[in-house]
Amino acid sequence: MTVRLERDGDVAVLVLDNPPLNLFDGATFDALESCVDELADRTAPGRADRPRAVLVRAEGRVVSGGVDVSLFAGIAEGPDAEAAGGALWARLLRTVQTLEDLPVPTVFAAHALTLTAAFELALACDLLVAAERASFGLVEVVVGLTPSMGGPQRLAERAGTARAKELVLTGERYSAATLHGWGVVNRVLPDEGFAEAALGLARQVAAGPTVAHAATKVLVATAARHGVRAADDAVPAVSGALFGTEDLRGAVASFLADGPGKATHRGR
């Protein structure tokens, strides 16, 4: 499988492994869709073996060289190309949105070059961490496309419209440090030990209050899509429900018994 799921304790790990360049072809998109759907099932509330966080990473010397352009050629040269192209983007956007809407924290680890579809997947994750040597690009202009897996709009959400248009219209590659300055990358970590550091961050958020993290994601998404007052309106229902969770009851009891900094979370 070019995309697979692994498990590290409370962290589910989605791995891209399609050497040598981890290109996204038809089989890779199929495997990605299947794995993300499985993550949605595994992270559904009530599952006893539910992971508390997801890490997305890649094997090999690059995260991804982008999409296998022969996939686009097959669509452009086929019958009813416009409808087929639209159907492809609708399908891939559903996968991106499913990843984005998982009710647990998601971390994308970019250890090296991260182009097009892989970058758009990264933008759908809650946290994007990059090695110092990593670089990023939405280079679809070279084949007459605009990024269509949600990249432009999610870049605009993170960095503003001017930065999003600059990155897409130029088709240039940008360093991890530059995108950290723009607010696209959350953290730039040393190349040495990067994989373990990224996994450590995923383990850290997995150790937190699972249901409260889900509430945070809902409130942030609501603010981004509908405004701060809409998020305010959602707080009583979203955050009020936390008082009925094992996470909150257990952590409050632990806090009162053990003191600040020692509270534990055991809910799912």
Protein backbone atom coordinates (compact mmCIF):
# COMPACT_ATOMS: atom_id res chain seq x y z
CA MET A 1 0.00 0.00 0.00
CA THR A 2 1.28 3.45 -0.90
CA VAL A 3 -0.56 4.87 2.12
CA ARG A 4 -0.94 2.87 5.33
CA LEU A 5 -1.99 3.21 8.93
CA GLU A 6 0.21 2.37 11.89
CA ARG A 7 -0.27 2.76 15.63
CA ASP A 8 2.03 4.17 18.31
CA GLY A 9 0.17 3.88 21.61
CA ASP A 10 -2.57 6.51 21.58
CA VAL A 11 -1.34 7.97 18.25
CA ALA A 12 -2.60 6.73 14.89
CA VAL A 13 0.05 7.27 12.20
CA LEU A 14 -0.83 7.78 8.54
CA VAL A 15 2.24 7.03 6.40
CA LEU A 16 2.82 8.00 2.76
CA ASP A 17 5.21 5.46 1.22
CA ASN A 18 5.34 5.47 -2.58
CA PRO A 19 9.04 5.57 -3.50
CA PRO A 20 11.06 7.16 -4.87
CA LEU A 21 9.20 10.50 -4.78
CA ASN A 22 5.94 9.64 -3.01
CA LEU A 23 3.97 10.85 -6.02
CA PHE A 24 0.20 10.90 -5.77
CA ASP A 25 -1.23 8.69 -8.51
CA GLY A 26 -4.63 7.05 -8.78
CA ALA A 27 -3.71 4.16 -6.49
CA THR A 28 -2.25 6.53 -3.89
CA PHE A 29 -5.38 8.68 -3.87
CA ASP A 30 -7.47 5.51 -3.48
CA ALA A 31 -5.35 4.37 -0.54
CA LEU A 32 -5.42 7.83 1.03
CA GLU A 33 -9.20 7.97 0.82
CA SER A 34 -9.50 4.51 2.37
CA CYS A 35 -7.10 5.30 5.22
CA VAL A 36 -8.71 8.64 6.05
CA ASP A 37 -12.16 7.03 6.08
CA GLU A 38 -10.77 4.37 8.41
CA LEU A 39 -9.38 7.08 10.68
CA ALA A 40 -12.82 8.69 10.82
CA ASP A 41 -14.24 5.35 11.89
CA ARG A 42 -11.49 4.67 14.43
CA THR A 43 -11.75 8.10 16.04
CA ALA A 44 -15.53 8.04 16.36
CA PRO A 45 -16.63 8.65 19.98
CA GLY A 46 -17.33 5.52 21.97
CA ARG A 47 -14.69 3.23 20.47
CA ALA A 48 -12.66 1.52 23.18
CA ASP A 49 -9.48 1.49 21.05
CA ARG A 50 -9.91 5.05 19.84
CA PRO A 51 -6.64 6.91 19.09
CA ARG A 52 -6.30 10.28 20.79
CA ALA A 53 -4.26 11.95 18.02
CA VAL A 54 -3.15 11.41 14.42
CA LEU A 55 0.33 11.94 12.97
CA VAL A 56 0.74 12.22 9.18
CA ARG A 57 4.27 11.56 7.90
CA ALA A 58 6.14 10.19 4.89
CA GLU A 59 8.93 7.72 4.25
CA GLY A 60 11.88 8.49 1.99
CA ARG A 61 14.07 11.46 1.15
CA VAL A 62 11.12 13.74 0.28
CA VAL A 63 7.62 14.04 1.68
CA SER A 64 6.25 14.22 -1.87
CA GLY A 65 7.24 15.43 -5.31
CA GLY A 66 3.57 16.14 -6.02
CA VAL A 67 1.00 14.48 -8.25
CA ASP A 68 1.80 12.03 -11.06
CA VAL A 69 0.97 14.31 -14.01
CA SER A 70 -0.11 11.32 -16.13
CA LEU A 71 -3.24 11.26 -13.97
CA PHE A 72 -4.15 14.73 -15.23
CA ALA A 73 -3.29 13.78 -18.80
CA GLY A 74 -5.69 10.85 -18.65
CA ILE A 75 -8.50 13.13 -17.53
CA ALA A 76 -7.74 15.97 -19.98
CA GLU A 77 -7.59 13.60 -22.95
CA GLY A 78 -10.67 11.61 -22.01
CA PRO A 79 -14.36 12.20 -22.76
CA ASP A 80 -16.10 14.99 -20.81
CA ALA A 81 -12.84 16.17 -19.27
CA GLU A 82 -14.41 19.02 -17.33
CA ALA A 83 -16.91 16.77 -15.55
CA ALA A 84 -14.22 14.18 -14.81
CA GLY A 85 -11.89 16.84 -13.42
CA GLY A 86 -14.64 18.24 -11.23
CA ALA A 87 -15.47 14.78 -9.94
CA LEU A 88 -11.82 14.19 -9.02
CA TRP A 89 -11.61 17.42 -7.03
CA ALA A 90 -14.93 16.77 -5.28
CA ARG A 91 -13.70 13.36 -4.19
CA LEU A 92 -10.31 14.62 -2.99
CA LEU A 93 -11.84 17.57 -1.16
CA ARG A 94 -14.10 15.17 0.72
CA THR A 95 -11.01 13.29 1.86
CA VAL A 96 -9.29 16.53 2.92
CA GLN A 97 -12.38 17.67 4.80
CA THR A 98 -12.71 14.28 6.52
CA LEU A 99 -9.12 14.56 7.74
CA GLU A 100 -9.70 18.14 8.83
CA ASP A 101 -12.86 17.23 10.74
CA LEU A 102 -11.43 14.31 12.72
CA PRO A 103 -12.42 14.82 16.38
CA VAL A 104 -8.82 14.41 17.59
CA PRO A 105 -5.72 16.58 17.07
CA THR A 106 -3.83 16.01 13.82
CA VAL A 107 -0.12 16.71 13.27
CA PHE A 108 1.62 16.78 9.87
CA ALA A 109 5.37 16.15 9.92
CA ALA A 110 7.25 17.56 6.89
CA HIS A 111 10.84 16.36 6.95
CA ALA A 112 11.81 17.53 3.45
CA LEU A 113 10.34 18.76 0.13
CA THR A 114 6.53 18.88 0.32
CA LEU A 115 4.74 19.74 -2.92
CA THR A 116 1.14 20.09 -4.13
CA ALA A 117 -1.21 17.38 -2.79
CA ALA A 118 0.99 16.63 0.22
CA PHE A 119 1.16 20.33 1.12
CA GLU A 120 -2.61 20.60 0.81
CA LEU A 121 -3.00 17.62 3.15
CA ALA A 122 -0.65 19.34 5.59
CA LEU A 123 -2.82 22.46 5.54
CA ALA A 124 -5.82 20.36 6.57
CA CYS A 125 -4.04 19.22 9.75
CA ASP A 126 -4.26 21.10 13.04
CA LEU A 127 -0.50 21.41 13.48
CA LEU A 128 2.13 21.55 10.74
CA VAL A 129 5.70 20.99 11.91
CA ALA A 130 8.68 21.08 9.60
CA ALA A 131 12.34 20.18 9.67
CA GLU A 132 14.77 23.02 9.03
CA ARG A 133 15.59 21.62 5.59
CA ALA A 134 11.94 21.23 4.55
CA SER A 135 10.47 23.30 1.74
CA PHE A 136 6.99 23.68 0.37
CA GLY A 137 5.27 24.60 -2.85
CA LEU A 138 1.99 24.64 -4.71
CA VAL A 139 3.45 24.43 -8.19
CA GLU A 140 0.36 23.57 -10.21
CA VAL A 141 0.94 26.58 -12.48
CA VAL A 142 3.50 24.52 -14.39
CA VAL A 143 0.68 22.30 -15.71
CA GLY A 144 -1.96 25.00 -16.06
CA LEU A 145 -3.84 24.17 -12.85
CA THR A 146 -4.70 25.87 -9.63
CA PRO A 147 -4.34 23.83 -6.42
CA SER A 148 -7.74 22.23 -5.93
CA MET A 149 -7.49 20.11 -2.78
CA GLY A 150 -8.17 23.13 -0.60
CA GLY A 151 -4.70 24.64 -0.59
CA PRO A 152 -5.41 28.27 -1.60
CA GLN A 153 -8.30 28.74 0.81
CA ARG A 154 -6.50 27.11 3.74
CA LEU A 155 -3.39 29.16 3.03
CA ALA A 156 -5.58 32.27 3.07
CA GLU A 157 -6.98 31.17 6.43
CA ARG A 158 -3.49 30.75 7.89
CA ALA A 159 -1.50 33.49 6.19
CA GLY A 160 -3.97 35.92 4.60
CA THR A 161 -5.15 36.34 1.04
CA ALA A 162 -2.09 38.22 -0.26
CA ARG A 163 0.34 35.54 0.91
CA ALA A 164 -1.89 32.76 -0.43
CA LYS A 165 -2.06 34.35 -3.87
CA GLU A 166 1.69 35.02 -3.92
CA LEU A 167 2.52 31.40 -3.13
CA VAL A 168 0.10 29.98 -5.71
CA LEU A 169 0.60 32.53 -8.51
CA THR A 170 4.40 32.36 -8.45
CA GLY A 171 4.59 28.58 -8.10
CA GLU A 172 7.78 29.07 -6.13
CA ARG A 173 9.13 26.91 -3.31
CA TYR A 174 9.28 28.37 0.16
CA SER A 175 11.45 27.40 3.09
CA ALA A 176 10.10 26.15 6.40
CA ALA A 177 11.45 29.29 8.05
CA THR A 178 9.60 31.57 5.61
CA LEU A 179 6.31 29.77 6.07
CA HIS A 180 6.79 29.77 9.83
CA GLY A 181 7.09 33.55 9.62
CA TRP A 182 3.87 33.66 7.62
CA GLY A 183 2.00 31.57 10.18
CA VAL A 184 1.60 28.55 7.88
CA VAL A 185 4.08 26.28 9.69
CA ASN A 186 3.56 25.97 13.45
CA ARG A 187 7.08 24.91 14.42
CA VAL A 188 10.44 24.48 12.70
CA LEU A 189 12.45 21.71 14.35
CA PRO A 190 16.08 20.61 13.88
CA ASP A 191 16.72 18.14 11.07
CA GLU A 192 18.47 15.79 13.46
CA GLY A 193 15.91 13.93 15.52
CA PHE A 194 13.00 15.45 13.60
CA ALA A 195 10.94 12.27 13.26
CA GLU A 196 11.06 11.56 16.99
CA ALA A 197 10.33 15.19 17.85
CA ALA A 198 7.26 15.23 15.60
CA LEU A 199 6.05 11.97 17.12
CA GLY A 200 6.69 13.46 20.54
CA LEU A 201 4.40 16.38 19.75
CA ALA A 202 1.68 13.98 18.60
CA ARG A 203 2.10 12.01 21.82
CA GLN A 204 1.87 15.25 23.81
CA VAL A 205 -1.47 16.29 22.35
CA ALA A 206 -2.70 12.69 22.57
CA ALA A 207 -2.07 12.83 26.32
CA GLY A 208 -4.44 15.79 26.69
CA PRO A 209 -8.23 15.90 27.18
CA THR A 210 -9.59 14.28 24.03
CA VAL A 211 -13.11 15.66 24.10
CA ALA A 212 -11.94 19.16 25.02
CA HIS A 213 -9.55 19.05 22.04
CA ALA A 214 -12.51 18.18 19.81
CA ALA A 215 -14.42 21.14 21.26
CA THR A 216 -11.45 23.42 20.53
CA LYS A 217 -11.43 22.28 16.91
CA VAL A 218 -15.16 23.00 16.57
CA LEU A 219 -14.84 26.50 18.06
CA VAL A 220 -11.81 27.45 15.95
CA ALA A 221 -13.42 26.13 12.76
CA THR A 222 -16.66 27.97 13.54
CA ALA A 223 -14.78 31.24 14.08
CA ALA A 224 -12.82 30.80 10.84
CA ARG A 225 -15.88 29.99 8.76
CA HIS A 226 -18.58 32.11 10.39
CA GLY A 227 -16.89 34.66 12.66
CA VAL A 228 -16.04 35.09 16.32
CA ARG A 229 -19.60 35.81 17.46
CA ALA A 230 -20.79 32.57 15.86
CA ALA A 231 -18.13 30.72 17.84
CA ASP A 232 -19.24 32.56 20.98
CA ASP A 233 -22.79 31.39 20.33
CA ALA A 234 -21.58 27.80 20.07
CA VAL A 235 -19.65 27.84 23.37
CA PRO A 236 -22.50 27.00 25.82
CA ALA A 237 -23.43 23.80 23.99
CA VAL A 238 -19.94 22.77 22.89
CA SER A 239 -18.09 23.56 26.11
CA GLY A 240 -20.97 22.93 28.48
CA ALA A 241 -21.02 19.31 27.35
CA LEU A 242 -17.47 18.86 28.65
CA PHE A 243 -18.76 18.82 32.23
CA GLY A 244 -20.31 15.44 31.52
CA THR A 245 -17.09 13.82 30.27
CA GLU A 246 -14.74 11.39 31.96
CA ASP A 247 -11.86 13.62 30.83
CA LEU A 248 -13.07 16.59 32.88
CA ARG A 249 -14.25 14.65 35.92
CA GLY A 250 -11.04 12.65 36.14
CA ALA A 251 -8.76 15.64 35.51
CA VAL A 252 -10.56 17.81 38.09
CA ALA A 253 -10.32 15.04 40.69
CA SER A 254 -6.63 14.55 39.85
CA PHE A 255 -5.97 18.30 40.04
CA LEU A 256 -7.60 18.57 43.47
CA ALA A 257 -5.80 15.49 44.76
CA ASP A 258 -2.36 15.95 43.19
CA GLY A 259 -2.06 19.69 42.52
CA PRO A 260 -1.37 21.85 39.45
CA GLY A 261 0.62 20.33 36.62
CA LYS A 262 -0.21 16.76 37.58
CA ALA A 263 -3.78 16.35 36.34
CA THR A 264 -4.36 13.31 34.12
CA HIS A 265 -6.90 12.64 31.39
CA ARG A 266 -8.30 9.19 30.84
CA GLY A 267 -11.38 9.84 28.75
CA ARG A 268 -11.92 8.76 25.18
